Amino acid sequence: MKLNIEVNKVEGVLVRVLGLVSRRGFSVTSFSAKTTGSFMNLSLEVDSERPVSLLICQLEKLFNVISVSQVST
């Protein structure tokens, strides 16, 4: 499952996002980040038996996360 996440470019935001993914039982199989001004676009590919909708809901609650979208393959 691939996710696109737009976040504010602040110190520690990557640690918070990746830590939440890990704590929720998802493993990151691919990761890339692109910086544009004061924002970062993260592209994560995750793998788990758990529904990705649970992860999306939790990511949207993080303070510096602007948007989360699932990319259909």
PDB file of N, CA and C in Angstrom:
ATOM      1  N   MET A   1       0.830  -1.165   0.000  1.00  0.00           N
ATOM      2  CA  MET A   1       0.000   0.000   0.000  1.00  0.00           C
ATOM      3  C   MET A   1       0.880   1.235   0.000  1.00  0.00           C
ATOM      4  N   LYS A   2       0.609   2.155  -0.895  1.00  0.00           N
ATOM      5  CA  LYS A   2       1.419   3.358  -1.010  1.00  0.00           C
ATOM      6  C   LYS A   2       0.637   4.563  -0.503  1.00  0.00           C
ATOM      7  N   LEU A   3       1.308   5.392   0.298  1.00  0.00           N
ATOM      8  CA  LEU A   3       0.704   6.587   0.862  1.00  0.00           C
ATOM      9  C   LEU A   3       1.514   7.810   0.478  1.00  0.00           C
ATOM     10  N   ASN A   4       0.813   8.891   0.153  1.00  0.00           N
ATOM     11  CA  ASN A   4       1.439  10.196  -0.033  1.00  0.00           C
ATOM     12  C   ASN A   4       1.033  11.056   1.145  1.00  0.00           C
ATOM     13  N   ILE A   5       2.026  11.649   1.804  1.00  0.00           N
ATOM     14  CA  ILE A   5       1.779  12.442   3.010  1.00  0.00           C
ATOM     15  C   ILE A   5       2.429  13.804   2.828  1.00  0.00           C
ATOM     16  N   GLU A   6       1.656  14.868   3.000  1.00  0.00           N
ATOM     17  CA  GLU A   6       2.200  16.214   2.953  1.00  0.00           C
ATOM     18  C   GLU A   6       2.304  16.728   4.385  1.00  0.00           C
ATOM     19  N   VAL A   7       3.500  17.205   4.759  1.00  0.00           N
ATOM     20  CA  VAL A   7       3.742  17.661   6.121  1.00  0.00           C
ATOM     21  C   VAL A   7       4.434  19.017   6.096  1.00  0.00           C
ATOM     22  N   ASN A   8       4.317  19.754   7.213  1.00  0.00           N
ATOM     23  CA  ASN A   8       5.111  20.965   7.395  1.00  0.00           C
ATOM     24  C   ASN A   8       6.551  20.547   7.630  1.00  0.00           C
ATOM     25  N   LYS A   9       7.482  21.282   7.051  1.00  0.00           N
ATOM     26  CA  LYS A   9       8.905  20.967   7.203  1.00  0.00           C
ATOM     27  C   LYS A   9       9.404  21.547   8.518  1.00  0.00           C
ATOM     28  N   VAL A  10       9.289  20.745   9.581  1.00  0.00           N
ATOM     29  CA  VAL A  10       9.755  21.147  10.899  1.00  0.00           C
ATOM     30  C   VAL A  10      10.634  20.034  11.472  1.00  0.00           C
ATOM     31  N   GLU A  11      11.420  20.399  12.438  1.00  0.00           N
ATOM     32  CA  GLU A  11      12.322  19.446  13.066  1.00  0.00           C
ATOM     33  C   GLU A  11      11.533  18.319  13.733  1.00  0.00           C
ATOM     34  N   GLY A  12      11.907  17.074  13.452  1.00  0.00           N
ATOM     35  CA  GLY A  12      11.322  15.917  14.106  1.00  0.00           C
ATOM     36  C   GLY A  12      10.086  15.341  13.447  1.00  0.00           C
ATOM     37  N   VAL A  13       9.599  15.958  12.367  1.00  0.00           N
ATOM     38  CA  VAL A  13       8.368  15.459  11.759  1.00  0.00           C
ATOM     39  C   VAL A  13       8.558  14.061  11.164  1.00  0.00           C
ATOM     40  N   LEU A  14       9.707  13.776  10.586  1.00  0.00           N
ATOM     41  CA  LEU A  14       9.953  12.440  10.033  1.00  0.00           C
ATOM     42  C   LEU A  14       9.965  11.383  11.125  1.00  0.00           C
ATOM     43  N   VAL A  15      10.571  11.701  12.248  1.00  0.00           N
ATOM     44  CA  VAL A  15      10.622  10.766  13.371  1.00  0.00           C
ATOM     45  C   VAL A  15       9.212  10.461  13.868  1.00  0.00           C
ATOM     46  N   ARG A  16       8.373  11.487  13.969  1.00  0.00           N
ATOM     47  CA  ARG A  16       6.997  11.277  14.437  1.00  0.00           C
ATOM     48  C   ARG A  16       6.192  10.429  13.461  1.00  0.00           C
ATOM     49  N   VAL A  17       6.307  10.723  12.170  1.00  0.00           N
ATOM     50  CA  VAL A  17       5.545   9.972  11.164  1.00  0.00           C
ATOM     51  C   VAL A  17       6.005   8.518  11.115  1.00  0.00           C
ATOM     52  N   LEU A  18       7.298   8.301  10.996  1.00  0.00           N
ATOM     53  CA  LEU A  18       7.810   6.930  10.894  1.00  0.00           C
ATOM     54  C   LEU A  18       7.631   6.161  12.191  1.00  0.00           C
ATOM     55  N   GLY A  19       7.722   6.830  13.331  1.00  0.00           N
ATOM     56  CA  GLY A  19       7.488   6.181  14.616  1.00  0.00           C
ATOM     57  C   GLY A  19       6.054   5.710  14.751  1.00  0.00           C
ATOM     58  N   LEU A  20       5.109   6.533  14.306  1.00  0.00           N
ATOM     59  CA  LEU A  20       3.700   6.146  14.360  1.00  0.00           C
ATOM     60  C   LEU A  20       3.441   4.942  13.466  1.00  0.00           C
ATOM     61  N   VAL A  21       4.021   4.953  12.271  1.00  0.00           N
ATOM     62  CA  VAL A  21       3.852   3.825  11.342  1.00  0.00           C
ATOM     63  C   VAL A  21       4.348   2.538  11.990  1.00  0.00           C
ATOM     64  N   SER A  22       5.498   2.590  12.608  1.00  0.00           N
ATOM     65  CA  SER A  22       6.077   1.419  13.256  1.00  0.00           C
ATOM     66  C   SER A  22       5.247   0.959  14.453  1.00  0.00           C
ATOM     67  N   ARG A  23       4.821   1.904  15.295  1.00  0.00           N
ATOM     68  CA  ARG A  23       4.037   1.553  16.484  1.00  0.00           C
ATOM     69  C   ARG A  23       2.682   0.934  16.125  1.00  0.00           C
ATOM     70  N   ARG A  24       2.135   1.282  14.990  1.00  0.00           N
ATOM     71  CA  ARG A  24       0.836   0.747  14.571  1.00  0.00           C
ATOM     72  C   ARG A  24       0.951  -0.602  13.862  1.00  0.00           C
ATOM     73  N   GLY A  25       2.164  -1.144  13.783  1.00  0.00           N
ATOM     74  CA  GLY A  25       2.345  -2.492  13.249  1.00  0.00           C
ATOM     75  C   GLY A  25       2.548  -2.561  11.747  1.00  0.00           C
ATOM     76  N   PHE A  26       2.930  -1.457  11.128  1.00  0.00           N
ATOM     77  CA  PHE A  26       3.200  -1.432   9.695  1.00  0.00           C
ATOM     78  C   PHE A  26       4.703  -1.391   9.478  1.00  0.00           C
ATOM     79  N   SER A  27       5.174  -2.051   8.437  1.00  0.00           N
ATOM     80  CA  SER A  27       6.597  -1.974   8.106  1.00  0.00           C
ATOM     81  C   SER A  27       6.747  -1.159   6.820  1.00  0.00           C
ATOM     82  N   VAL A  28       7.741  -0.282   6.805  1.00  0.00           N
ATOM     83  CA  VAL A  28       8.001   0.570   5.647  1.00  0.00           C
ATOM     84  C   VAL A  28       8.871  -0.209   4.668  1.00  0.00           C
ATOM     85  N   THR A  29       8.373  -0.396   3.446  1.00  0.00           N
ATOM     86  CA  THR A  29       9.143  -1.105   2.429  1.00  0.00           C
ATOM     87  C   THR A  29       9.818  -0.153   1.453  1.00  0.00           C
ATOM     88  N   SER A  30       9.307   1.064   1.358  1.00  0.00           N
ATOM     89  CA  SER A  30       9.898   2.071   0.480  1.00  0.00           C
ATOM     90  C   SER A  30       9.585   3.454   1.047  1.00  0.00           C
ATOM     91  N   PHE A  31      10.550   4.372   0.938  1.00  0.00           N
ATOM     92  CA  PHE A  31      10.371   5.714   1.486  1.00  0.00           C
ATOM     93  C   PHE A  31      11.103   6.723   0.615  1.00  0.00           C
ATOM     94  N   SER A  32      10.448   7.841   0.323  1.00  0.00           N
ATOM     95  CA  SER A  32      11.127   8.953  -0.347  1.00  0.00           C
ATOM     96  C   SER A  32      10.526  10.256   0.158  1.00  0.00           C
ATOM     97  N   ALA A  33      11.322  11.313   0.110  1.00  0.00           N
ATOM     98  CA  ALA A  33      10.875  12.621   0.584  1.00  0.00           C
ATOM     99  C   ALA A  33      11.334  13.688  -0.399  1.00  0.00           C
ATOM    100  N   LYS A  34      10.452  14.664  -0.616  1.00  0.00           N
ATOM    101  CA  LYS A  34      10.766  15.787  -1.498  1.00  0.00           C
ATOM    102  C   LYS A  34      10.380  17.068  -0.774  1.00  0.00           C
ATOM    103  N   THR A  35      11.308  18.018  -0.730  1.00  0.00           N
ATOM    104  CA  THR A  35      11.077  19.277  -0.045  1.00  0.00           C
ATOM    105  C   THR A  35      10.665  20.346  -1.050  1.00  0.00           C
ATOM    106  N   THR A  36       9.583  21.056  -0.718  1.00  0.00           N
ATOM    107  CA  THR A  36       9.144  22.190  -1.542  1.00  0.00           C
ATOM    108  C   THR A  36       8.809  23.341  -0.596  1.00  0.00           C
ATOM    109  N   GLY A  37       9.690  24.322  -0.523  1.00  0.00           N
ATOM    110  CA  GLY A  37       9.467  25.466   0.364  1.00  0.00           C
ATOM    111  C   GLY A  37       9.416  25.040   1.818  1.00  0.00           C
ATOM    112  N   SER A  38       8.305  25.340   2.483  1.00  0.00           N
ATOM    113  CA  SER A  38       8.166  24.993   3.903  1.00  0.00           C
ATOM    114  C   SER A  38       7.399  23.687   4.099  1.00  0.00           C
ATOM    115  N   PHE A  39       7.225  22.925   3.026  1.00  0.00           N
ATOM    116  CA  PHE A  39       6.511  21.649   3.083  1.00  0.00           C
ATOM    117  C   PHE A  39       7.402  20.511   2.616  1.00  0.00           C
ATOM    118  N   MET A  40       7.043  19.295   3.028  1.00  0.00           N
ATOM    119  CA  MET A  40       7.699  18.085   2.536  1.00  0.00           C
ATOM    120  C   MET A  40       6.619  17.127   2.063  1.00  0.00           C
ATOM    121  N   ASN A  41       6.879  16.491   0.937  1.00  0.00           N
ATOM    122  CA  ASN A  41       5.993  15.452   0.433  1.00  0.00           C
ATOM    123  C   ASN A  41       6.671  14.114   0.665  1.00  0.00           C
ATOM    124  N   LEU A  42       6.045  13.276   1.472  1.00  0.00           N
ATOM    125  CA  LEU A  42       6.589  11.959   1.789  1.00  0.00           C
ATOM    126  C   LEU A  42       5.825  10.916   1.001  1.00  0.00           C
ATOM    127  N   SER A  43       6.547   9.957   0.474  1.00  0.00           N
ATOM    128  CA  SER A  43       5.933   8.830  -0.206  1.00  0.00           C
ATOM    129  C   SER A  43       6.366   7.567   0.527  1.00  0.00           C
ATOM    130  N   LEU A  44       5.396   6.885   1.128  1.00  0.00           N
ATOM    131  CA  LEU A  44       5.679   5.679   1.904  1.00  0.00           C
ATOM    132  C   LEU A  44       4.984   4.492   1.272  1.00  0.00           C
ATOM    133  N   GLU A  45       5.684   3.403   1.187  1.00  0.00           N
ATOM    134  CA  GLU A  45       5.050   2.142   0.826  1.00  0.00           C
ATOM    135  C   GLU A  45       5.131   1.263   2.068  1.00  0.00           C
ATOM    136  N   VAL A  46       3.972   0.825   2.560  1.00  0.00           N
ATOM    137  CA  VAL A  46       3.915   0.067   3.804  1.00  0.00           C
ATOM    138  C   VAL A  46       3.315  -1.301   3.557  1.00  0.00           C
ATOM    139  N   ASP A  47       3.614  -2.220   4.479  1.00  0.00           N
ATOM    140  CA  ASP A  47       3.111  -3.583   4.381  1.00  0.00           C
ATOM    141  C   ASP A  47       2.621  -4.013   5.756  1.00  0.00           C
ATOM    142  N   SER A  48       1.427  -4.610   5.785  1.00  0.00           N
ATOM    143  CA  SER A  48       0.877  -5.113   7.033  1.00  0.00           C
ATOM    144  C   SER A  48      -0.403  -5.882   6.751  1.00  0.00           C
ATOM    145  N   GLU A  49      -0.786  -6.696   7.709  1.00  0.00           N
ATOM    146  CA  GLU A  49      -2.068  -7.386   7.650  1.00  0.00           C
ATOM    147  C   GLU A  49      -3.204  -6.472   8.102  1.00  0.00           C
ATOM    148  N   ARG A  50      -2.867  -5.394   8.782  1.00  0.00           N
ATOM    149  CA  ARG A  50      -3.860  -4.473   9.320  1.00  0.00           C
ATOM    150  C   ARG A  50      -4.400  -3.562   8.211  1.00  0.00           C
ATOM    151  N   PRO A  51      -5.628  -3.064   8.360  1.00  0.00           N
ATOM    152  CA  PRO A  51      -6.182  -2.156   7.347  1.00  0.00           C
ATOM    153  C   PRO A  51      -5.459  -0.813   7.327  1.00  0.00           C
ATOM    154  N   VAL A  52      -5.143  -0.343   6.135  1.00  0.00           N
ATOM    155  CA  VAL A  52      -4.407   0.913   5.989  1.00  0.00           C
ATOM    156  C   VAL A  52      -5.260   2.106   6.428  1.00  0.00           C
ATOM    157  N   SER A  53      -6.562   1.963   6.445  1.00  0.00           N
ATOM    158  CA  SER A  53      -7.427   3.070   6.874  1.00  0.00           C
ATOM    159  C   SER A  53      -7.152   3.459   8.334  1.00  0.00           C
ATOM    160  N   LEU A  54      -6.786   2.491   9.155  1.00  0.00           N
ATOM    161  CA  LEU A  54      -6.425   2.794  10.548  1.00  0.00           C
ATOM    162  C   LEU A  54      -5.184   3.686  10.619  1.00  0.00           C
ATOM    163  N   LEU A  55      -4.205   3.380   9.786  1.00  0.00           N
ATOM    164  CA  LEU A  55      -2.972   4.165   9.756  1.00  0.00           C
ATOM    165  C   LEU A  55      -3.246   5.574   9.241  1.00  0.00           C
ATOM    166  N   ILE A  56      -4.061   5.686   8.200  1.00  0.00           N
ATOM    167  CA  ILE A  56      -4.372   6.999   7.638  1.00  0.00           C
ATOM    168  C   ILE A  56      -5.049   7.884   8.684  1.00  0.00           C
ATOM    169  N   CYS A  57      -6.003   7.332   9.417  1.00  0.00           N
ATOM    170  CA  CYS A  57      -6.695   8.101  10.465  1.00  0.00           C
ATOM    171  C   CYS A  57      -5.719   8.591  11.530  1.00  0.00           C
ATOM    172  N   GLN A  58      -4.796   7.744  11.933  1.00  0.00           N
ATOM    173  CA  GLN A  58      -3.821   8.133  12.954  1.00  0.00           C
ATOM    174  C   GLN A  58      -2.845   9.191  12.427  1.00  0.00           C
ATOM    175  N   LEU A  59      -2.397   9.040  11.174  1.00  0.00           N
ATOM    176  CA  LEU A  59      -1.476  10.017  10.597  1.00  0.00           C
ATOM    177  C   LEU A  59      -2.129  11.392  10.488  1.00  0.00           C
ATOM    178  N   GLU A  60      -3.403  11.425  10.135  1.00  0.00           N
ATOM    179  CA  GLU A  60      -4.115  12.700   9.992  1.00  0.00           C
ATOM    180  C   GLU A  60      -4.228  13.451  11.314  1.00  0.00           C
ATOM    181  N   LYS A  61      -4.103  12.754  12.434  1.00  0.00           N
ATOM    182  CA  LYS A  61      -4.190  13.386  13.746  1.00  0.00           C
ATOM    183  C   LYS A  61      -2.889  14.059  14.173  1.00  0.00           C
ATOM    184  N   LEU A  62      -1.782  13.726  13.526  1.00  0.00           N
ATOM    185  CA  LEU A  62      -0.501  14.343  13.881  1.00  0.00           C
ATOM    186  C   LEU A  62      -0.537  15.834  13.551  1.00  0.00           C
ATOM    187  N   PHE A  63       0.067  16.634  14.405  1.00  0.00           N
ATOM    188  CA  PHE A  63      -0.028  18.093  14.332  1.00  0.00           C
ATOM    189  C   PHE A  63       0.495  18.667  13.017  1.00  0.00           C
ATOM    190  N   ASN A  64       1.650  18.242  12.558  1.00  0.00           N
ATOM    191  CA  ASN A  64       2.274  18.829  11.364  1.00  0.00           C
ATOM    192  C   ASN A  64       1.912  18.126  10.066  1.00  0.00           C
ATOM    193  N   VAL A  65       0.991  17.184  10.097  1.00  0.00           N
ATOM    194  CA  VAL A  65       0.549  16.523   8.874  1.00  0.00           C
ATOM    195  C   VAL A  65      -0.573  17.339   8.260  1.00  0.00           C
ATOM    196  N   ILE A  66      -0.406  17.687   6.985  1.00  0.00           N
ATOM    197  CA  ILE A  66      -1.413  18.486   6.272  1.00  0.00           C
ATOM    198  C   ILE A  66      -2.429  17.581   5.580  1.00  0.00           C
ATOM    199  N   SER A  67      -1.932  16.560   4.860  1.00  0.00           N
ATOM    200  CA  SER A  67      -2.854  15.652   4.172  1.00  0.00           C
ATOM    201  C   SER A  67      -2.220  14.281   4.008  1.00  0.00           C
ATOM    202  N   VAL A  68      -3.088  13.269   3.937  1.00  0.00           N
ATOM    203  CA  VAL A  68      -2.663  11.887   3.715  1.00  0.00           C
ATOM    204  C   VAL A  68      -3.577  11.302   2.650  1.00  0.00           C
ATOM    205  N   SER A  69      -2.992  10.673   1.650  1.00  0.00           N
ATOM    206  CA  SER A  69      -3.803  10.038   0.622  1.00  0.00           C
ATOM    207  C   SER A  69      -3.202   8.690   0.251  1.00  0.00           C
ATOM    208  N   GLN A  70      -4.075   7.749  -0.052  1.00  0.00           N
ATOM    209  CA  GLN A  70      -3.644   6.423  -0.480  1.00  0.00           C
ATOM    210  C   GLN A  70      -3.602   6.405  -1.997  1.00  0.00           C
ATOM    211  N   VAL A  71      -2.510   5.886  -2.544  1.00  0.00           N
ATOM    212  CA  VAL A  71      -2.332   5.805  -3.991  1.00  0.00           C
ATOM    213  C   VAL A  71      -2.697   4.398  -4.430  1.00  0.00           C
ATOM    214  N   SER A  72      -3.641   4.299  -5.342  1.00  0.00           N
ATOM    215  CA  SER A  72      -4.021   2.971  -5.833  1.00  0.00           C
ATOM    216  C   SER A  72      -3.018   2.542  -6.899  1.00  0.00           C
ATOM    217  N   THR A  73      -2.676   1.271  -6.864  1.00  0.00           N
ATOM    218  CA  THR A  73      -1.671   0.766  -7.803  1.00  0.00           C
ATOM    219  C   THR A  73      -2.306   0.045  -8.956  1.00  0.00           C
TER     220      THR A  73
END
